[in-house]
Amino acid sequence: MFAAFLKANTERGPTIPKEGDLYKIIQCHGRTFEIRYGFYDELDRLHEYAEPIEIYPDFIKEPQHTDDGTPFTTAIQAPCAHFIGRKDENSTCEDCIFYRRCEELLGICTCPENKKA
């Protein structure tokens, strides 16, 4: 009986997430972030083979800070003017000495210039 159950569940293949499905809830420096599946680009949504991916907060458009004013960032964000690290056309916040990773792609920027007063 177990073999039949296992066969039925493996033949279906992996479950493909739908847009809006919850990927993960991340707790970071006193804040809670719901990471959901979706599309970053409208054109991706229209492509017949496109699948939703994890969508992280856009801290450029909607900045958020810890209680002490430290800004949240994502590892894939473009570096700011205070970036210190290996600088090339592919550099991201994750490459900066001020970036501190929380979980997954979420982190904070410890640069004193970016701290909210």
N, C-alpha and C. Protein backbone atom coordinates (compact mmCIF):
# COMPACT_ATOMS: atom_id res chain seq x y z
N MET A 1 0.82 -1.19 0.00
CA MET A 1 0.00 0.00 0.00
C MET A 1 0.87 1.26 0.00
N PHE A 2 1.92 1.27 0.85
CA PHE A 2 2.81 2.44 0.89
C PHE A 2 3.49 2.64 -0.46
N ALA A 3 3.86 1.54 -1.12
CA ALA A 3 4.52 1.65 -2.42
C ALA A 3 3.60 2.33 -3.44
N ALA A 4 2.31 2.01 -3.41
CA ALA A 4 1.36 2.65 -4.32
C ALA A 4 1.23 4.13 -4.02
N PHE A 5 1.19 4.48 -2.73
CA PHE A 5 1.11 5.89 -2.33
C PHE A 5 2.35 6.65 -2.79
N LEU A 6 3.52 6.06 -2.55
CA LEU A 6 4.78 6.69 -2.94
C LEU A 6 4.85 6.88 -4.45
N LYS A 7 4.44 5.86 -5.20
CA LYS A 7 4.46 5.94 -6.66
C LYS A 7 3.53 7.05 -7.15
N ALA A 8 2.35 7.13 -6.60
CA ALA A 8 1.37 8.15 -7.01
C ALA A 8 1.90 9.55 -6.74
N ASN A 9 2.58 9.74 -5.62
CA ASN A 9 3.08 11.06 -5.27
C ASN A 9 4.36 11.44 -5.99
N THR A 10 5.14 10.47 -6.44
CA THR A 10 6.36 10.81 -7.16
C THR A 10 6.11 10.99 -8.65
N GLU A 11 5.08 10.36 -9.18
CA GLU A 11 4.76 10.52 -10.60
C GLU A 11 4.25 11.91 -10.93
N ARG A 12 3.62 12.55 -9.97
CA ARG A 12 3.10 13.90 -10.20
C ARG A 12 4.20 14.92 -10.38
N GLY A 13 5.35 14.66 -9.82
CA GLY A 13 6.46 15.61 -9.89
C GLY A 13 6.31 16.67 -8.81
N PRO A 14 7.25 17.61 -8.78
CA PRO A 14 7.22 18.64 -7.74
C PRO A 14 6.04 19.60 -7.96
N THR A 15 5.52 20.11 -6.86
CA THR A 15 4.42 21.07 -6.93
C THR A 15 4.96 22.41 -7.38
N ILE A 16 4.31 23.01 -8.35
CA ILE A 16 4.71 24.33 -8.85
C ILE A 16 3.93 25.38 -8.07
N PRO A 17 4.63 26.31 -7.42
CA PRO A 17 3.91 27.33 -6.65
C PRO A 17 3.10 28.24 -7.56
N LYS A 18 2.05 28.79 -6.99
CA LYS A 18 1.21 29.75 -7.72
C LYS A 18 1.53 31.15 -7.23
N GLU A 19 1.27 32.12 -8.07
CA GLU A 19 1.47 33.52 -7.70
C GLU A 19 0.66 33.83 -6.44
N GLY A 20 1.32 34.42 -5.46
CA GLY A 20 0.67 34.76 -4.20
C GLY A 20 0.85 33.73 -3.11
N ASP A 21 1.28 32.50 -3.46
CA ASP A 21 1.53 31.48 -2.44
C ASP A 21 2.65 31.94 -1.51
N LEU A 22 2.54 31.56 -0.25
CA LEU A 22 3.57 31.91 0.73
C LEU A 22 4.79 31.03 0.54
N TYR A 23 5.96 31.66 0.41
CA TYR A 23 7.22 30.94 0.32
C TYR A 23 7.79 30.75 1.72
N LYS A 24 7.85 31.84 2.48
CA LYS A 24 8.50 31.78 3.78
C LYS A 24 8.17 33.04 4.58
N ILE A 25 8.14 32.90 5.90
CA ILE A 25 8.04 34.05 6.79
C ILE A 25 9.40 34.20 7.46
N ILE A 26 9.96 35.40 7.35
CA ILE A 26 11.29 35.66 7.90
C ILE A 26 11.20 36.70 9.01
N GLN A 27 11.76 36.38 10.16
CA GLN A 27 11.87 37.31 11.28
C GLN A 27 13.29 37.88 11.25
N CYS A 28 13.39 39.19 11.26
CA CYS A 28 14.70 39.83 11.15
C CYS A 28 14.70 41.15 11.90
N HIS A 29 15.51 41.26 12.92
CA HIS A 29 15.67 42.49 13.69
C HIS A 29 14.34 43.10 14.11
N GLY A 30 13.46 42.28 14.67
CA GLY A 30 12.19 42.77 15.19
C GLY A 30 11.10 42.98 14.15
N ARG A 31 11.33 42.63 12.92
CA ARG A 31 10.33 42.79 11.86
C ARG A 31 10.00 41.41 11.27
N THR A 32 8.80 41.30 10.75
CA THR A 32 8.37 40.07 10.10
C THR A 32 8.10 40.37 8.63
N PHE A 33 8.68 39.56 7.76
CA PHE A 33 8.51 39.72 6.33
C PHE A 33 7.92 38.44 5.74
N GLU A 34 6.81 38.59 5.02
CA GLU A 34 6.22 37.47 4.28
C GLU A 34 6.79 37.49 2.87
N ILE A 35 7.43 36.42 2.50
CA ILE A 35 7.98 36.30 1.15
C ILE A 35 7.01 35.41 0.37
N ARG A 36 6.47 35.96 -0.69
CA ARG A 36 5.48 35.24 -1.49
C ARG A 36 6.00 35.03 -2.91
N TYR A 37 5.39 34.09 -3.59
CA TYR A 37 5.75 33.82 -4.98
C TYR A 37 5.06 34.84 -5.89
N GLY A 38 5.77 35.23 -6.93
CA GLY A 38 5.20 36.17 -7.89
C GLY A 38 6.16 36.41 -9.03
N PHE A 39 5.99 37.54 -9.69
CA PHE A 39 6.81 37.91 -10.84
C PHE A 39 7.34 39.32 -10.63
N TYR A 40 8.61 39.55 -10.91
CA TYR A 40 9.18 40.89 -10.82
C TYR A 40 8.82 41.71 -12.05
N ASP A 41 8.61 41.04 -13.16
CA ASP A 41 8.38 41.74 -14.43
C ASP A 41 7.07 41.25 -15.03
N GLU A 42 6.26 42.16 -15.50
CA GLU A 42 4.97 41.81 -16.11
C GLU A 42 5.15 40.88 -17.31
N LEU A 43 6.23 41.07 -18.05
CA LEU A 43 6.48 40.20 -19.22
C LEU A 43 6.70 38.76 -18.80
N ASP A 44 7.32 38.55 -17.64
CA ASP A 44 7.53 37.18 -17.15
C ASP A 44 6.19 36.48 -16.91
N ARG A 45 5.24 37.21 -16.41
CA ARG A 45 3.92 36.66 -16.11
C ARG A 45 3.25 36.14 -17.39
N LEU A 46 3.51 36.81 -18.50
CA LEU A 46 2.86 36.47 -19.77
C LEU A 46 3.53 35.32 -20.51
N HIS A 47 4.77 35.01 -20.14
CA HIS A 47 5.51 33.94 -20.82
C HIS A 47 4.92 32.59 -20.40
N GLU A 48 4.62 31.73 -21.37
CA GLU A 48 3.92 30.48 -21.06
C GLU A 48 4.72 29.52 -20.18
N TYR A 49 6.04 29.60 -20.18
CA TYR A 49 6.84 28.69 -19.37
C TYR A 49 7.32 29.32 -18.06
N ALA A 50 6.97 30.56 -17.83
CA ALA A 50 7.44 31.24 -16.62
C ALA A 50 6.71 30.70 -15.39
N GLU A 51 7.47 30.50 -14.33
CA GLU A 51 6.90 30.09 -13.05
C GLU A 51 7.17 31.19 -12.04
N PRO A 52 6.26 31.37 -11.08
CA PRO A 52 6.49 32.39 -10.06
C PRO A 52 7.76 32.09 -9.26
N ILE A 53 8.42 33.14 -8.82
CA ILE A 53 9.62 33.02 -7.99
C ILE A 53 9.39 33.78 -6.68
N GLU A 54 10.30 33.62 -5.74
CA GLU A 54 10.19 34.32 -4.47
C GLU A 54 10.37 35.82 -4.70
N ILE A 55 9.45 36.62 -4.17
CA ILE A 55 9.52 38.07 -4.32
C ILE A 55 9.88 38.68 -2.97
N TYR A 56 11.02 39.34 -2.94
CA TYR A 56 11.50 39.99 -1.71
C TYR A 56 11.06 41.45 -1.70
N PRO A 57 10.96 42.04 -0.52
CA PRO A 57 10.53 43.45 -0.44
C PRO A 57 11.45 44.36 -1.25
N ASP A 58 10.88 45.41 -1.81
CA ASP A 58 11.64 46.41 -2.54
C ASP A 58 11.91 47.56 -1.57
N PHE A 59 13.06 47.52 -0.92
CA PHE A 59 13.39 48.52 0.10
C PHE A 59 13.82 49.84 -0.51
N ILE A 60 14.01 49.89 -1.83
CA ILE A 60 14.28 51.16 -2.50
C ILE A 60 12.97 51.95 -2.59
N LYS A 61 11.92 51.28 -3.05
CA LYS A 61 10.61 51.94 -3.19
C LYS A 61 9.93 52.17 -1.84
N GLU A 62 10.04 51.20 -0.94
CA GLU A 62 9.40 51.28 0.36
C GLU A 62 10.42 50.96 1.46
N PRO A 63 11.23 51.95 1.85
CA PRO A 63 12.26 51.71 2.86
C PRO A 63 11.65 51.27 4.20
N GLN A 64 12.35 50.36 4.86
CA GLN A 64 11.98 49.94 6.20
C GLN A 64 13.25 49.92 7.04
N HIS A 65 13.09 50.18 8.33
CA HIS A 65 14.23 50.29 9.23
C HIS A 65 14.00 49.49 10.50
N THR A 66 15.09 49.11 11.14
CA THR A 66 15.00 48.49 12.45
C THR A 66 14.60 49.57 13.45
N ASP A 67 14.35 49.18 14.69
CA ASP A 67 13.96 50.16 15.71
C ASP A 67 15.02 51.23 15.94
N ASP A 68 16.29 50.89 15.69
CA ASP A 68 17.36 51.89 15.90
C ASP A 68 17.69 52.68 14.63
N GLY A 69 16.89 52.49 13.55
CA GLY A 69 17.08 53.28 12.34
C GLY A 69 17.96 52.66 11.27
N THR A 70 18.40 51.43 11.48
CA THR A 70 19.23 50.75 10.49
C THR A 70 18.35 50.28 9.34
N PRO A 71 18.72 50.60 8.09
CA PRO A 71 17.86 50.22 6.97
C PRO A 71 17.98 48.74 6.59
N PHE A 72 16.84 48.18 6.22
CA PHE A 72 16.83 46.83 5.65
C PHE A 72 17.24 46.93 4.20
N THR A 73 17.82 45.87 3.70
CA THR A 73 18.22 45.79 2.29
C THR A 73 18.13 44.33 1.86
N THR A 74 18.26 44.12 0.58
CA THR A 74 18.36 42.74 0.09
C THR A 74 19.75 42.55 -0.50
N ALA A 75 20.19 41.32 -0.52
CA ALA A 75 21.52 41.01 -1.04
C ALA A 75 21.66 41.38 -2.51
N ILE A 76 20.55 41.40 -3.24
CA ILE A 76 20.61 41.63 -4.68
C ILE A 76 20.37 43.09 -5.08
N GLN A 77 20.16 43.95 -4.10
CA GLN A 77 19.97 45.37 -4.39
C GLN A 77 21.24 45.98 -4.98
N ALA A 78 21.06 46.98 -5.83
CA ALA A 78 22.21 47.72 -6.36
C ALA A 78 22.87 48.48 -5.21
N PRO A 79 24.20 48.57 -5.21
CA PRO A 79 24.89 49.26 -4.11
C PRO A 79 24.60 50.76 -4.09
N CYS A 80 24.68 51.34 -2.89
CA CYS A 80 24.45 52.78 -2.73
C CYS A 80 25.77 53.55 -2.92
N ALA A 81 25.70 54.84 -2.73
CA ALA A 81 26.87 55.72 -2.91
C ALA A 81 27.96 55.46 -1.87
N HIS A 82 27.62 54.81 -0.77
CA HIS A 82 28.59 54.57 0.31
C HIS A 82 29.20 53.16 0.26
N PHE A 83 28.98 52.46 -0.83
CA PHE A 83 29.47 51.10 -1.03
C PHE A 83 30.98 51.02 -0.86
N ILE A 84 31.43 50.04 -0.09
CA ILE A 84 32.86 49.74 0.04
C ILE A 84 33.01 48.23 -0.19
N GLY A 85 33.72 47.88 -1.23
CA GLY A 85 33.92 46.48 -1.56
C GLY A 85 34.36 46.35 -3.00
N ARG A 86 34.32 45.13 -3.50
CA ARG A 86 34.68 44.86 -4.89
C ARG A 86 33.63 45.51 -5.79
N LYS A 87 34.02 46.52 -6.52
CA LYS A 87 33.07 47.28 -7.34
C LYS A 87 33.24 46.91 -8.81
N ASP A 88 32.20 46.38 -9.39
CA ASP A 88 32.13 46.16 -10.83
C ASP A 88 30.67 46.24 -11.24
N GLU A 89 30.39 45.98 -12.51
CA GLU A 89 29.02 46.14 -12.99
C GLU A 89 28.04 45.15 -12.36
N ASN A 90 28.55 44.11 -11.72
CA ASN A 90 27.69 43.10 -11.10
C ASN A 90 27.62 43.22 -9.58
N SER A 91 28.22 44.25 -9.00
CA SER A 91 28.22 44.42 -7.55
C SER A 91 26.81 44.61 -7.02
N THR A 92 26.56 44.05 -5.84
CA THR A 92 25.29 44.22 -5.14
C THR A 92 25.58 44.58 -3.69
N CYS A 93 24.54 44.87 -2.94
CA CYS A 93 24.72 45.19 -1.52
C CYS A 93 25.48 44.09 -0.78
N GLU A 94 25.26 42.85 -1.18
CA GLU A 94 25.91 41.73 -0.52
C GLU A 94 27.43 41.82 -0.59
N ASP A 95 27.96 42.52 -1.58
CA ASP A 95 29.41 42.66 -1.75
C ASP A 95 30.01 43.76 -0.88
N CYS A 96 29.17 44.50 -0.17
CA CYS A 96 29.63 45.64 0.63
C CYS A 96 30.01 45.20 2.05
N ILE A 97 31.01 45.86 2.62
CA ILE A 97 31.44 45.53 3.98
C ILE A 97 30.37 45.88 5.02
N PHE A 98 29.42 46.74 4.67
CA PHE A 98 28.38 47.15 5.61
C PHE A 98 27.17 46.22 5.62
N TYR A 99 27.08 45.32 4.67
CA TYR A 99 25.92 44.42 4.57
C TYR A 99 26.02 43.31 5.62
N ARG A 100 24.92 43.10 6.35
CA ARG A 100 24.83 42.01 7.33
C ARG A 100 23.61 41.18 6.97
N ARG A 101 23.86 39.94 6.64
CA ARG A 101 22.79 39.03 6.22
C ARG A 101 21.95 38.60 7.41
N CYS A 102 20.63 38.57 7.22
CA CYS A 102 19.70 38.04 8.23
C CYS A 102 19.36 36.59 7.87
N GLU A 103 18.57 36.45 6.82
CA GLU A 103 18.16 35.13 6.36
C GLU A 103 17.79 35.23 4.89
N GLU A 104 18.09 34.17 4.16
CA GLU A 104 17.83 34.17 2.72
C GLU A 104 18.52 35.39 2.10
N LEU A 105 17.77 36.24 1.38
CA LEU A 105 18.36 37.43 0.75
C LEU A 105 18.16 38.70 1.56
N LEU A 106 17.52 38.61 2.72
CA LEU A 106 17.28 39.79 3.54
C LEU A 106 18.47 40.10 4.43
N GLY A 107 18.71 41.40 4.62
CA GLY A 107 19.79 41.83 5.48
C GLY A 107 19.59 43.27 5.90
N ILE A 108 20.60 43.81 6.55
CA ILE A 108 20.59 45.22 6.95
C ILE A 108 21.87 45.88 6.48
N CYS A 109 21.81 47.20 6.36
CA CYS A 109 22.98 47.99 5.98
C CYS A 109 23.46 48.71 7.24
N THR A 110 24.68 48.40 7.67
CA THR A 110 25.21 49.00 8.90
C THR A 110 26.01 50.27 8.65
N CYS A 111 25.96 50.79 7.43
CA CYS A 111 26.68 52.03 7.11
C CYS A 111 26.10 53.19 7.93
N PRO A 112 26.92 53.91 8.68
CA PRO A 112 26.41 55.02 9.49
C PRO A 112 25.75 56.12 8.65
N GLU A 113 26.18 56.27 7.40
CA GLU A 113 25.61 57.29 6.51
C GLU A 113 24.16 56.98 6.13
N ASN A 114 23.79 55.72 6.15
CA ASN A 114 22.44 55.32 5.75
C ASN A 114 21.48 55.17 6.92
N LYS A 115 21.98 55.29 8.13
CA LYS A 115 21.13 55.12 9.31
C LYS A 115 20.17 56.29 9.44
N LYS A 116 18.91 55.96 9.71
CA LYS A 116 17.87 56.97 9.88
C LYS A 116 18.00 57.60 11.26
N ALA A 117 17.97 58.93 11.29
CA ALA A 117 18.14 59.64 12.57
C ALA A 117 16.91 59.53 13.45
